[in-house]
Amino acid sequence: MNSEKLSARQLWVAVLAGGLSAGAAAAGRADWRWLLLAAALGVGAGWLLLRRVGRAPLHPALRALYCAWGTVLMADVLSRAADRVQQASGGGENTGWLLALLALPLVWMGWGKSAAFFRAAEIVWLALLATGAAILLLGLPRVNWQWAVEPAAGWKSSLTAGGLVMSTGLFVLPLLERTEPPPDGTASGLAWLGALGLTAAALAALTAGLLNPAVAAELDAPFFAAAGLLGDSARLEGLVSALWLLPDLTLAGLLARCWGEGRRPALAAAAALGLALTGVMKALPEGILPTGCLALAVLTAVLPAGRDK
């Protein structure tokens, strides 16, 4: 950080806000009970990694891997968000212009300092808190609890989806050396990470209870289709889909910040846009993204720390 230190709370708020991007994508495609297990495993892994890394810089080779894999995940976020907006608007199949529009604010934010981005993430979190509370208040009275307890997906696909949600916390590790040490150690960070896992499980349970797991499995974006049922109109589905661009951009911005300071986060966003425009993200095998995050976590635990400047 050039002049402003980040607080640990700002980082973890960005993890919760950005992680809801993957959490909404998992809702309707993963069983909420397996997501709860993934949340517990993720918090345990987070505790081990935070103790292992502390506020020491990452090994240079590991930092390069974080940058590379973060770019791949950014491209996935952009592709997923563009497809969802295109579907909600009833447009054609070409999402190139939507990808470019989504990448523009990322490039713009990448030119600024990290502190400004993380302050904006705190505002996003408040907006998501209000949106999530409204969805729960409208949705809970309409939940069919028999549907909610039906098996929604296999354990393997559910755990990989939950792993991708919880791996959002992995990408604060390259930033910890630039933060003020929290007074309570790792406790608050693990609480925010656990809250992310619980919220993702709640979204999955709500989606299953509103749509029926069998129906949800046939839809492209079941969580947003379930949101449309709350207002008895597709307008609410489109509104929630648009509001959920906030966690999408927060997650992508968090991943870009792994590249460091200066203009590098803007270059990361441009690289992710180029990768998304190739269409390769849709061709990746299911499970490759969480597997890559698991490999990063293992390497983080194994490789020694880098040297301080």
C-alpha atoms as a PDB file:
ATOM      1  CA  MET A   1       0.000   0.000   0.000  1.00  0.00           C
ATOM      2  CA  ASN A   2       1.432   3.356  -0.971  1.00  0.00           C
ATOM      3  CA  SER A   3      -0.103   5.550   1.728  1.00  0.00           C
ATOM      4  CA  GLU A   4      -3.200   3.935   3.187  1.00  0.00           C
ATOM      5  CA  LYS A   5      -3.313   0.748   5.200  1.00  0.00           C
ATOM      6  CA  LEU A   6      -6.259  -1.597   4.845  1.00  0.00           C
ATOM      7  CA  SER A   7      -8.090  -2.913   7.854  1.00  0.00           C
ATOM      8  CA  ALA A   8      -8.658  -6.645   8.192  1.00  0.00           C
ATOM      9  CA  ARG A   9     -12.390  -5.974   8.468  1.00  0.00           C
ATOM     10  CA  GLN A  10     -12.416  -4.333   5.026  1.00  0.00           C
ATOM     11  CA  LEU A  11     -10.858  -7.436   3.510  1.00  0.00           C
ATOM     12  CA  TRP A  12     -13.333  -9.793   5.113  1.00  0.00           C
ATOM     13  CA  VAL A  13     -16.321  -7.637   4.225  1.00  0.00           C
ATOM     14  CA  ALA A  14     -15.167  -7.889   0.593  1.00  0.00           C
ATOM     15  CA  VAL A  15     -14.907 -11.673   0.979  1.00  0.00           C
ATOM     16  CA  LEU A  16     -18.488 -11.946   2.220  1.00  0.00           C
ATOM     17  CA  ALA A  17     -19.882  -9.533  -0.365  1.00  0.00           C
ATOM     18  CA  GLY A  18     -17.915 -11.042  -3.246  1.00  0.00           C
ATOM     19  CA  GLY A  19     -18.457 -14.625  -2.135  1.00  0.00           C
ATOM     20  CA  LEU A  20     -22.207 -14.174  -2.532  1.00  0.00           C
ATOM     21  CA  SER A  21     -21.570 -14.091  -6.279  1.00  0.00           C
ATOM     22  CA  ALA A  22     -20.533 -17.753  -6.171  1.00  0.00           C
ATOM     23  CA  GLY A  23     -23.120 -18.449  -3.459  1.00  0.00           C
ATOM     24  CA  ALA A  24     -26.003 -17.363  -5.688  1.00  0.00           C
ATOM     25  CA  ALA A  25     -24.584 -19.445  -8.553  1.00  0.00           C
ATOM     26  CA  ALA A  26     -24.496 -22.524  -6.284  1.00  0.00           C
ATOM     27  CA  ALA A  27     -28.097 -22.065  -5.058  1.00  0.00           C
ATOM     28  CA  GLY A  28     -30.352 -24.552  -6.813  1.00  0.00           C
ATOM     29  CA  ARG A  29     -27.364 -26.597  -8.001  1.00  0.00           C
ATOM     30  CA  ALA A  30     -26.051 -27.745  -4.625  1.00  0.00           C
ATOM     31  CA  ASP A  31     -27.619 -29.279  -1.542  1.00  0.00           C
ATOM     32  CA  TRP A  32     -27.645 -26.844   1.359  1.00  0.00           C
ATOM     33  CA  ARG A  33     -26.605 -29.544   3.839  1.00  0.00           C
ATOM     34  CA  TRP A  34     -23.401 -30.250   1.917  1.00  0.00           C
ATOM     35  CA  LEU A  35     -22.846 -26.512   1.674  1.00  0.00           C
ATOM     36  CA  LEU A  36     -22.937 -26.351   5.473  1.00  0.00           C
ATOM     37  CA  LEU A  37     -20.254 -29.032   5.580  1.00  0.00           C
ATOM     38  CA  ALA A  38     -18.216 -27.106   3.015  1.00  0.00           C
ATOM     39  CA  ALA A  39     -18.573 -24.001   5.205  1.00  0.00           C
ATOM     40  CA  ALA A  40     -17.224 -25.843   8.243  1.00  0.00           C
ATOM     41  CA  LEU A  41     -14.324 -27.298   6.241  1.00  0.00           C
ATOM     42  CA  GLY A  42     -13.607 -23.884   4.737  1.00  0.00           C
ATOM     43  CA  VAL A  43     -13.438 -22.208   8.141  1.00  0.00           C
ATOM     44  CA  GLY A  44     -11.109 -24.927   9.386  1.00  0.00           C
ATOM     45  CA  ALA A  45      -8.851 -24.548   6.360  1.00  0.00           C
ATOM     46  CA  GLY A  46      -8.946 -20.779   6.790  1.00  0.00           C
ATOM     47  CA  TRP A  47      -7.776 -21.090  10.385  1.00  0.00           C
ATOM     48  CA  LEU A  48      -4.829 -23.259   9.344  1.00  0.00           C
ATOM     49  CA  LEU A  49      -3.802 -20.983   6.466  1.00  0.00           C
ATOM     50  CA  LEU A  50      -4.083 -17.793   8.508  1.00  0.00           C
ATOM     51  CA  ARG A  51      -1.852 -19.334  11.153  1.00  0.00           C
ATOM     52  CA  ARG A  52       0.570 -20.507   8.472  1.00  0.00           C
ATOM     53  CA  VAL A  53       0.785 -17.255   6.516  1.00  0.00           C
ATOM     54  CA  GLY A  54       0.116 -14.620   9.142  1.00  0.00           C
ATOM     55  CA  ARG A  55       1.076 -11.254   7.687  1.00  0.00           C
ATOM     56  CA  ALA A  56       4.181 -12.553   5.925  1.00  0.00           C
ATOM     57  CA  PRO A  57       4.517 -12.063   2.148  1.00  0.00           C
ATOM     58  CA  LEU A  58       3.781 -15.068  -0.037  1.00  0.00           C
ATOM     59  CA  HIS A  59       6.492 -16.938  -1.885  1.00  0.00           C
ATOM     60  CA  PRO A  60       7.078 -15.181  -5.264  1.00  0.00           C
ATOM     61  CA  ALA A  61       6.157 -18.299  -7.250  1.00  0.00           C
ATOM     62  CA  LEU A  62       2.993 -18.715  -5.203  1.00  0.00           C
ATOM     63  CA  ARG A  63       2.067 -15.071  -5.706  1.00  0.00           C
ATOM     64  CA  ALA A  64       2.365 -15.570  -9.469  1.00  0.00           C
ATOM     65  CA  LEU A  65       0.018 -18.562  -9.236  1.00  0.00           C
ATOM     66  CA  TYR A  66      -2.491 -16.489  -7.270  1.00  0.00           C
ATOM     67  CA  CYS A  67      -2.390 -13.836  -9.993  1.00  0.00           C
ATOM     68  CA  ALA A  68      -2.833 -16.376 -12.793  1.00  0.00           C
ATOM     69  CA  TRP A  69      -5.647 -18.335 -11.163  1.00  0.00           C
ATOM     70  CA  GLY A  70      -7.325 -15.165  -9.981  1.00  0.00           C
ATOM     71  CA  THR A  71      -7.491 -14.035 -13.615  1.00  0.00           C
ATOM     72  CA  VAL A  72      -9.172 -17.312 -14.588  1.00  0.00           C
ATOM     73  CA  LEU A  73     -11.716 -16.886 -11.791  1.00  0.00           C
ATOM     74  CA  MET A  74     -12.324 -13.275 -12.855  1.00  0.00           C
ATOM     75  CA  ALA A  75     -13.068 -14.462 -16.381  1.00  0.00           C
ATOM     76  CA  ASP A  76     -15.548 -16.975 -14.966  1.00  0.00           C
ATOM     77  CA  VAL A  77     -17.284 -14.268 -12.918  1.00  0.00           C
ATOM     78  CA  LEU A  78     -17.580 -12.009 -15.966  1.00  0.00           C
ATOM     79  CA  SER A  79     -18.920 -14.845 -18.156  1.00  0.00           C
ATOM     80  CA  ARG A  80     -21.440 -15.932 -15.545  1.00  0.00           C
ATOM     81  CA  ALA A  81     -22.689 -12.408 -14.910  1.00  0.00           C
ATOM     82  CA  ALA A  82     -22.979 -11.586 -18.619  1.00  0.00           C
ATOM     83  CA  ASP A  83     -24.924 -14.784 -19.319  1.00  0.00           C
ATOM     84  CA  ARG A  84     -27.303 -14.058 -16.455  1.00  0.00           C
ATOM     85  CA  VAL A  85     -27.987 -10.488 -17.542  1.00  0.00           C
ATOM     86  CA  GLN A  86     -28.467 -11.616 -21.133  1.00  0.00           C
ATOM     87  CA  GLN A  87     -30.966 -14.248 -20.043  1.00  0.00           C
ATOM     88  CA  ALA A  88     -32.876 -11.826 -17.809  1.00  0.00           C
ATOM     89  CA  SER A  89     -33.148  -9.288 -20.627  1.00  0.00           C
ATOM     90  CA  GLY A  90     -34.268 -11.874 -23.167  1.00  0.00           C
ATOM     91  CA  GLY A  91     -31.475 -10.872 -25.558  1.00  0.00           C
ATOM     92  CA  GLY A  92     -29.550 -12.876 -28.126  1.00  0.00           C
ATOM     93  CA  GLU A  93     -26.582 -15.193 -27.669  1.00  0.00           C
ATOM     94  CA  ASN A  94     -23.752 -12.690 -28.175  1.00  0.00           C
ATOM     95  CA  THR A  95     -22.560 -11.481 -24.774  1.00  0.00           C
ATOM     96  CA  GLY A  96     -19.373  -9.779 -25.941  1.00  0.00           C
ATOM     97  CA  TRP A  97     -20.692  -6.260 -25.437  1.00  0.00           C
ATOM     98  CA  LEU A  98     -21.977  -7.149 -21.959  1.00  0.00           C
ATOM     99  CA  LEU A  99     -18.580  -8.561 -21.018  1.00  0.00           C
ATOM    100  CA  ALA A 100     -16.928  -5.325 -22.107  1.00  0.00           C
ATOM    101  CA  LEU A 101     -19.407  -3.228 -20.111  1.00  0.00           C
ATOM    102  CA  LEU A 102     -18.838  -5.336 -17.005  1.00  0.00           C
ATOM    103  CA  ALA A 103     -15.068  -5.134 -17.370  1.00  0.00           C
ATOM    104  CA  LEU A 104     -15.031  -1.334 -17.696  1.00  0.00           C
ATOM    105  CA  PRO A 105     -15.698  -0.596 -13.994  1.00  0.00           C
ATOM    106  CA  LEU A 106     -13.122  -3.236 -13.054  1.00  0.00           C
ATOM    107  CA  VAL A 107     -10.480  -1.536 -15.186  1.00  0.00           C
ATOM    108  CA  TRP A 108     -11.475   1.830 -13.748  1.00  0.00           C
ATOM    109  CA  MET A 109     -11.304   0.539 -10.167  1.00  0.00           C
ATOM    110  CA  GLY A 110      -7.989  -1.136 -10.947  1.00  0.00           C
ATOM    111  CA  TRP A 111      -6.418   2.257 -11.678  1.00  0.00           C
ATOM    112  CA  GLY A 112      -7.259   3.460  -8.182  1.00  0.00           C
ATOM    113  CA  LYS A 113      -5.825   2.524  -4.816  1.00  0.00           C
ATOM    114  CA  SER A 114      -6.879  -0.572  -2.935  1.00  0.00           C
ATOM    115  CA  ALA A 115      -8.245   1.446  -0.020  1.00  0.00           C
ATOM    116  CA  ALA A 116     -10.858   3.100  -2.240  1.00  0.00           C
ATOM    117  CA  PHE A 117     -11.995  -0.258  -3.605  1.00  0.00           C
ATOM    118  CA  PHE A 118     -12.377  -1.815  -0.178  1.00  0.00           C
ATOM    119  CA  ARG A 119     -14.283   1.192   1.137  1.00  0.00           C
ATOM    120  CA  ALA A 120     -16.680   0.732  -1.777  1.00  0.00           C
ATOM    121  CA  ALA A 121     -17.006  -2.971  -0.851  1.00  0.00           C
ATOM    122  CA  GLU A 122     -18.296  -1.945   2.571  1.00  0.00           C
ATOM    123  CA  ILE A 123     -21.080   0.042   0.878  1.00  0.00           C
ATOM    124  CA  VAL A 124     -21.856  -2.945  -1.367  1.00  0.00           C
ATOM    125  CA  TRP A 125     -22.132  -5.116   1.714  1.00  0.00           C
ATOM    126  CA  LEU A 126     -24.782  -2.836   3.231  1.00  0.00           C
ATOM    127  CA  ALA A 127     -26.782  -2.900  -0.016  1.00  0.00           C
ATOM    128  CA  LEU A 128     -26.588  -6.704  -0.128  1.00  0.00           C
ATOM    129  CA  LEU A 129     -27.633  -6.938   3.506  1.00  0.00           C
ATOM    130  CA  ALA A 130     -30.814  -5.007   2.726  1.00  0.00           C
ATOM    131  CA  THR A 131     -31.452  -7.038  -0.447  1.00  0.00           C
ATOM    132  CA  GLY A 132     -30.893 -10.352   1.304  1.00  0.00           C
ATOM    133  CA  ALA A 133     -33.172  -9.388   4.194  1.00  0.00           C
ATOM    134  CA  ALA A 134     -35.935  -8.441   1.757  1.00  0.00           C
ATOM    135  CA  ILE A 135     -35.583 -11.733  -0.143  1.00  0.00           C
ATOM    136  CA  LEU A 136     -35.745 -13.752   3.070  1.00  0.00           C
ATOM    137  CA  LEU A 137     -38.755 -11.829   4.411  1.00  0.00           C
ATOM    138  CA  LEU A 138     -40.638 -12.353   1.150  1.00  0.00           C
ATOM    139  CA  GLY A 139     -39.443 -15.899   0.573  1.00  0.00           C
ATOM    140  CA  LEU A 140     -39.739 -17.670   3.908  1.00  0.00           C
ATOM    141  CA  PRO A 141     -43.568 -17.565   4.061  1.00  0.00           C
ATOM    142  CA  ARG A 142     -43.683 -19.158   0.582  1.00  0.00           C
ATOM    143  CA  VAL A 143     -41.181 -21.939   1.191  1.00  0.00           C
ATOM    144  CA  ASN A 144     -42.414 -25.497   0.709  1.00  0.00           C
ATOM    145  CA  TRP A 145     -40.469 -27.211   3.475  1.00  0.00           C
ATOM    146  CA  GLN A 146     -40.939 -30.659   1.947  1.00  0.00           C
ATOM    147  CA  TRP A 147     -39.079 -29.427  -1.137  1.00  0.00           C
ATOM    148  CA  ALA A 148     -36.452 -27.751   1.016  1.00  0.00           C
ATOM    149  CA  VAL A 149     -35.425 -31.031   2.697  1.00  0.00           C
ATOM    150  CA  GLU A 150     -35.362 -33.086  -0.503  1.00  0.00           C
ATOM    151  CA  PRO A 151     -31.888 -34.003  -1.813  1.00  0.00           C
ATOM    152  CA  ALA A 152     -30.930 -31.303  -4.307  1.00  0.00           C
ATOM    153  CA  ALA A 153     -27.700 -32.614  -5.836  1.00  0.00           C
ATOM    154  CA  GLY A 154     -24.934 -35.145  -5.340  1.00  0.00           C
ATOM    155  CA  TRP A 155     -22.441 -34.722  -2.531  1.00  0.00           C
ATOM    156  CA  LYS A 156     -19.489 -34.304  -4.858  1.00  0.00           C
ATOM    157  CA  SER A 157     -20.955 -31.486  -6.939  1.00  0.00           C
ATOM    158  CA  SER A 158     -22.361 -29.806  -3.821  1.00  0.00           C
ATOM    159  CA  LEU A 159     -19.027 -29.879  -2.013  1.00  0.00           C
ATOM    160  CA  THR A 160     -17.156 -28.530  -5.042  1.00  0.00           C
ATOM    161  CA  ALA A 161     -19.688 -25.704  -5.350  1.00  0.00           C
ATOM    162  CA  GLY A 162     -19.287 -24.954  -1.656  1.00  0.00           C
ATOM    163  CA  GLY A 163     -15.523 -25.123  -2.002  1.00  0.00           C
ATOM    164  CA  LEU A 164     -15.618 -22.475  -4.717  1.00  0.00           C
ATOM    165  CA  VAL A 165     -17.717 -20.219  -2.488  1.00  0.00           C
ATOM    166  CA  MET A 166     -15.399 -20.596   0.505  1.00  0.00           C
ATOM    167  CA  SER A 167     -12.251 -20.206  -1.609  1.00  0.00           C
ATOM    168  CA  THR A 168     -13.112 -16.514  -1.914  1.00  0.00           C
ATOM    169  CA  GLY A 169     -11.381 -16.134   1.427  1.00  0.00           C
ATOM    170  CA  LEU A 170      -8.211 -17.632  -0.035  1.00  0.00           C
ATOM    171  CA  PHE A 171      -7.579 -14.492  -2.056  1.00  0.00           C
ATOM    172  CA  VAL A 172      -7.136 -12.220   0.944  1.00  0.00           C
ATOM    173  CA  LEU A 173      -3.876 -13.999   1.795  1.00  0.00           C
ATOM    174  CA  PRO A 174      -1.769 -12.020  -0.713  1.00  0.00           C
ATOM    175  CA  LEU A 175      -3.180  -8.819   0.809  1.00  0.00           C
ATOM    176  CA  LEU A 176      -2.634  -9.498   4.502  1.00  0.00           C
ATOM    177  CA  GLU A 177       0.880  -8.065   4.525  1.00  0.00           C
ATOM    178  CA  ARG A 178      -0.640  -4.682   3.614  1.00  0.00           C
ATOM    179  CA  THR A 179      -3.201  -4.638   6.430  1.00  0.00           C
ATOM    180  CA  GLU A 180      -3.181  -3.425   9.974  1.00  0.00           C
ATOM    181  CA  PRO A 181      -3.044  -6.378  12.407  1.00  0.00           C
ATOM    182  CA  PRO A 182      -6.541  -7.046  13.803  1.00  0.00           C
ATOM    183  CA  PRO A 183      -6.866  -6.781  17.599  1.00  0.00           C
ATOM    184  CA  ASP A 184      -8.614 -10.150  17.897  1.00  0.00           C
ATOM    185  CA  GLY A 185      -6.242 -12.100  15.649  1.00  0.00           C
ATOM    186  CA  THR A 186      -8.018 -14.386  13.194  1.00  0.00           C
ATOM    187  CA  ALA A 187     -11.341 -14.651  15.055  1.00  0.00           C
ATOM    188  CA  SER A 188     -13.224 -11.908  13.189  1.00  0.00           C
ATOM    189  CA  GLY A 189     -11.984 -13.065   9.795  1.00  0.00           C
ATOM    190  CA  LEU A 190     -13.108 -16.625  10.441  1.00  0.00           C
ATOM    191  CA  ALA A 191     -16.494 -15.322  11.631  1.00  0.00           C
ATOM    192  CA  TRP A 192     -16.993 -13.438   8.342  1.00  0.00           C
ATOM    193  CA  LEU A 193     -15.903 -16.515   6.379  1.00  0.00           C
ATOM    194  CA  GLY A 194     -18.319 -18.699   8.308  1.00  0.00           C
ATOM    195  CA  ALA A 195     -21.103 -16.185   7.713  1.00  0.00           C
ATOM    196  CA  LEU A 196     -20.441 -16.476   3.976  1.00  0.00           C
ATOM    197  CA  GLY A 197     -20.826 -20.249   4.117  1.00  0.00           C
ATOM    198  CA  LEU A 198     -24.023 -20.045   6.158  1.00  0.00           C
ATOM    199  CA  THR A 199     -25.513 -17.454   3.809  1.00  0.00           C
ATOM    200  CA  ALA A 200     -24.710 -19.586   0.750  1.00  0.00           C
ATOM    201  CA  ALA A 201     -26.434 -22.567   2.404  1.00  0.00           C
ATOM    202  CA  ALA A 202     -29.455 -20.388   3.247  1.00  0.00           C
ATOM    203  CA  LEU A 203     -29.741 -19.228  -0.374  1.00  0.00           C
ATOM    204  CA  ALA A 204     -29.610 -22.858  -1.542  1.00  0.00           C
ATOM    205  CA  ALA A 205     -32.287 -23.933   0.942  1.00  0.00           C
ATOM    206  CA  LEU A 206     -34.530 -21.016  -0.022  1.00  0.00           C
ATOM    207  CA  THR A 207     -34.161 -21.773  -3.730  1.00  0.00           C
ATOM    208  CA  ALA A 208     -34.969 -25.453  -3.211  1.00  0.00           C
ATOM    209  CA  GLY A 209     -38.001 -24.606  -1.081  1.00  0.00           C
ATOM    210  CA  LEU A 210     -39.402 -22.180  -3.645  1.00  0.00           C
ATOM    211  CA  LEU A 211     -38.750 -24.069  -6.857  1.00  0.00           C
ATOM    212  CA  ASN A 212     -38.422 -27.784  -6.031  1.00  0.00           C
ATOM    213  CA  PRO A 213     -34.904 -29.231  -6.491  1.00  0.00           C
ATOM    214  CA  ALA A 214     -35.866 -31.128  -9.648  1.00  0.00           C
ATOM    215  CA  VAL A 215     -37.146 -27.958 -11.295  1.00  0.00           C
ATOM    216  CA  ALA A 216     -34.190 -25.885 -10.103  1.00  0.00           C
ATOM    217  CA  ALA A 217     -31.745 -28.341 -11.671  1.00  0.00           C
ATOM    218  CA  GLU A 218     -33.235 -27.641 -15.102  1.00  0.00           C
ATOM    219  CA  LEU A 219     -32.871 -23.858 -14.907  1.00  0.00           C
ATOM    220  CA  ASP A 220     -29.851 -21.760 -15.860  1.00  0.00           C
ATOM    221  CA  ALA A 221     -29.998 -19.399 -12.869  1.00  0.00           C
ATOM    222  CA  PRO A 222     -32.366 -21.002 -10.338  1.00  0.00           C
ATOM    223  CA  PHE A 223     -31.771 -18.534  -7.497  1.00  0.00           C
ATOM    224  CA  PHE A 224     -32.856 -15.597  -9.640  1.00  0.00           C
ATOM    225  CA  ALA A 225     -35.817 -17.559 -11.017  1.00  0.00           C
ATOM    226  CA  ALA A 226     -36.853 -18.195  -7.415  1.00  0.00           C
ATOM    227  CA  ALA A 227     -36.547 -14.465  -6.717  1.00  0.00           C
ATOM    228  CA  GLY A 228     -38.975 -13.836  -9.578  1.00  0.00           C
ATOM    229  CA  LEU A 229     -41.581 -15.944  -7.790  1.00  0.00           C
ATOM    230  CA  LEU A 230     -41.494 -13.641  -4.781  1.00  0.00           C
ATOM    231  CA  GLY A 231     -43.029 -10.777  -6.700  1.00  0.00           C
ATOM    232  CA  ASP A 232     -45.165 -12.940  -9.003  1.00  0.00           C
ATOM    233  CA  SER A 233     -43.360 -11.215 -11.866  1.00  0.00           C
ATOM    234  CA  ALA A 234     -40.219 -11.570 -13.942  1.00  0.00           C
ATOM    235  CA  ARG A 235     -39.482  -7.926 -13.089  1.00  0.00           C
ATOM    236  CA  LEU A 236     -38.248  -8.875  -9.628  1.00  0.00           C
ATOM    237  CA  GLU A 237     -36.025 -11.566 -11.137  1.00  0.00           C
ATOM    238  CA  GLY A 238     -34.452  -8.944 -13.392  1.00  0.00           C
ATOM    239  CA  LEU A 239     -34.072  -6.488 -10.512  1.00  0.00           C
ATOM    240  CA  VAL A 240     -32.327  -9.023  -8.241  1.00  0.00           C
ATOM    241  CA  SER A 241     -30.168 -10.174 -11.150  1.00  0.00           C
ATOM    242  CA  ALA A 242     -29.061  -6.590 -11.737  1.00  0.00           C
ATOM    243  CA  LEU A 243     -28.435  -5.933  -8.033  1.00  0.00           C
ATOM    244  CA  TRP A 244     -26.319  -9.086  -7.872  1.00  0.00           C
ATOM    245  CA  LEU A 245     -23.847  -7.480 -10.237  1.00  0.00           C
ATOM    246  CA  LEU A 246     -22.536  -5.752  -7.099  1.00  0.00           C
ATOM    247  CA  PRO A 247     -21.145  -8.978  -5.570  1.00  0.00           C
ATOM    248  CA  ASP A 248     -19.979 -10.086  -9.027  1.00  0.00           C
ATOM    249  CA  LEU A 249     -17.888  -6.936  -9.435  1.00  0.00           C
ATOM    250  CA  THR A 250     -16.719  -7.072  -5.810  1.00  0.00           C
ATOM    251  CA  LEU A 251     -15.446 -10.614  -6.275  1.00  0.00           C
ATOM    252  CA  ALA A 252     -13.729  -9.745  -9.539  1.00  0.00           C
ATOM    253  CA  GLY A 253     -12.197  -6.641  -7.956  1.00  0.00           C
ATOM    254  CA  LEU A 254     -10.906  -8.651  -4.997  1.00  0.00           C
ATOM    255  CA  LEU A 255      -9.266 -11.137  -7.361  1.00  0.00           C
ATOM    256  CA  ALA A 256      -7.687  -8.301  -9.344  1.00  0.00           C
ATOM    257  CA  ARG A 257      -6.142  -6.850  -6.175  1.00  0.00           C
ATOM    258  CA  CYS A 258      -3.979  -9.978  -5.850  1.00  0.00           C
ATOM    259  CA  TRP A 259      -1.892  -8.463  -8.646  1.00  0.00           C
ATOM    260  CA  GLY A 260      -0.680  -5.731  -6.313  1.00  0.00           C
ATOM    261  CA  GLU A 261      -0.769  -1.954  -6.535  1.00  0.00           C
ATOM    262  CA  GLY A 262      -0.271   0.536  -9.351  1.00  0.00           C
ATOM    263  CA  ARG A 263      -1.921  -0.243 -12.664  1.00  0.00           C
ATOM    264  CA  ARG A 264      -1.574  -4.005 -12.375  1.00  0.00           C
ATOM    265  CA  PRO A 265      -5.170  -4.672 -11.184  1.00  0.00           C
ATOM    266  CA  ALA A 266      -6.439  -2.841 -14.284  1.00  0.00           C
ATOM    267  CA  LEU A 267      -4.234  -5.081 -16.437  1.00  0.00           C
ATOM    268  CA  ALA A 268      -5.648  -8.107 -14.617  1.00  0.00           C
ATOM    269  CA  ALA A 269      -9.201  -7.018 -15.449  1.00  0.00           C
ATOM    270  CA  ALA A 270      -8.246  -6.525 -19.103  1.00  0.00           C
ATOM    271  CA  ALA A 271      -6.640  -9.988 -19.200  1.00  0.00           C
ATOM    272  CA  ALA A 272      -9.760 -11.543 -17.654  1.00  0.00           C
ATOM    273  CA  LEU A 273     -11.923  -9.806 -20.251  1.00  0.00           C
ATOM    274  CA  GLY A 274      -9.788 -11.191 -23.057  1.00  0.00           C
ATOM    275  CA  LEU A 275     -10.025 -14.688 -21.601  1.00  0.00           C
ATOM    276  CA  ALA A 276     -13.801 -14.429 -21.171  1.00  0.00           C
ATOM    277  CA  LEU A 277     -14.254 -13.228 -24.752  1.00  0.00           C
ATOM    278  CA  THR A 278     -12.628 -16.420 -26.065  1.00  0.00           C
ATOM    279  CA  GLY A 279     -15.503 -18.472 -24.619  1.00  0.00           C
ATOM    280  CA  VAL A 280     -13.074 -20.952 -23.079  1.00  0.00           C
ATOM    281  CA  MET A 281     -14.649 -20.650 -19.626  1.00  0.00           C
ATOM    282  CA  LYS A 282     -17.785 -22.434 -20.816  1.00  0.00           C
ATOM    283  CA  ALA A 283     -15.679 -25.336 -22.069  1.00  0.00           C
ATOM    284  CA  LEU A 284     -13.864 -25.985 -18.774  1.00  0.00           C
ATOM    285  CA  PRO A 285     -14.766 -29.262 -17.034  1.00  0.00           C
ATOM    286  CA  GLU A 286     -17.029 -29.023 -14.006  1.00  0.00           C
ATOM    287  CA  GLY A 287     -15.004 -28.862 -10.839  1.00  0.00           C
ATOM    288  CA  ILE A 288     -11.821 -27.460 -12.368  1.00  0.00           C
ATOM    289  CA  LEU A 289     -12.190 -24.059 -10.672  1.00  0.00           C
ATOM    290  CA  PRO A 290     -12.547 -25.338  -7.072  1.00  0.00           C
ATOM    291  CA  THR A 291      -9.821 -27.919  -7.752  1.00  0.00           C
ATOM    292  CA  GLY A 292      -7.455 -25.130  -8.741  1.00  0.00           C
ATOM    293  CA  CYS A 293      -8.333 -23.229  -5.555  1.00  0.00           C
ATOM    294  CA  LEU A 294      -7.671 -26.365  -3.491  1.00  0.00           C
ATOM    295  CA  ALA A 295      -4.269 -26.722  -5.151  1.00  0.00           C
ATOM    296  CA  LEU A 296      -3.500 -23.086  -4.268  1.00  0.00           C
ATOM    297  CA  ALA A 297      -4.451 -23.717  -0.641  1.00  0.00           C
ATOM    298  CA  VAL A 298      -2.186 -26.769  -0.447  1.00  0.00           C
ATOM    299  CA  LEU A 299       0.736 -24.898  -2.015  1.00  0.00           C
ATOM    300  CA  THR A 300       0.172 -21.999   0.384  1.00  0.00           C
ATOM    301  CA  ALA A 301       0.494 -24.379   3.311  1.00  0.00           C
ATOM    302  CA  VAL A 302       3.598 -26.062   1.872  1.00  0.00           C
ATOM    303  CA  LEU A 303       5.749 -23.325   0.321  1.00  0.00           C
ATOM    304  CA  PRO A 304       7.817 -21.109   2.594  1.00  0.00           C
ATOM    305  CA  ALA A 305       7.058 -17.421   2.913  1.00  0.00           C
ATOM    306  CA  GLY A 306       8.812 -14.881   0.743  1.00  0.00           C
ATOM    307  CA  ARG A 307      11.162 -12.220   2.020  1.00  0.00           C
ATOM    308  CA  ASP A 308      10.089  -8.805   3.223  1.00  0.00           C
ATOM    309  CA  LYS A 309      11.091  -5.932   0.992  1.00  0.00           C
END
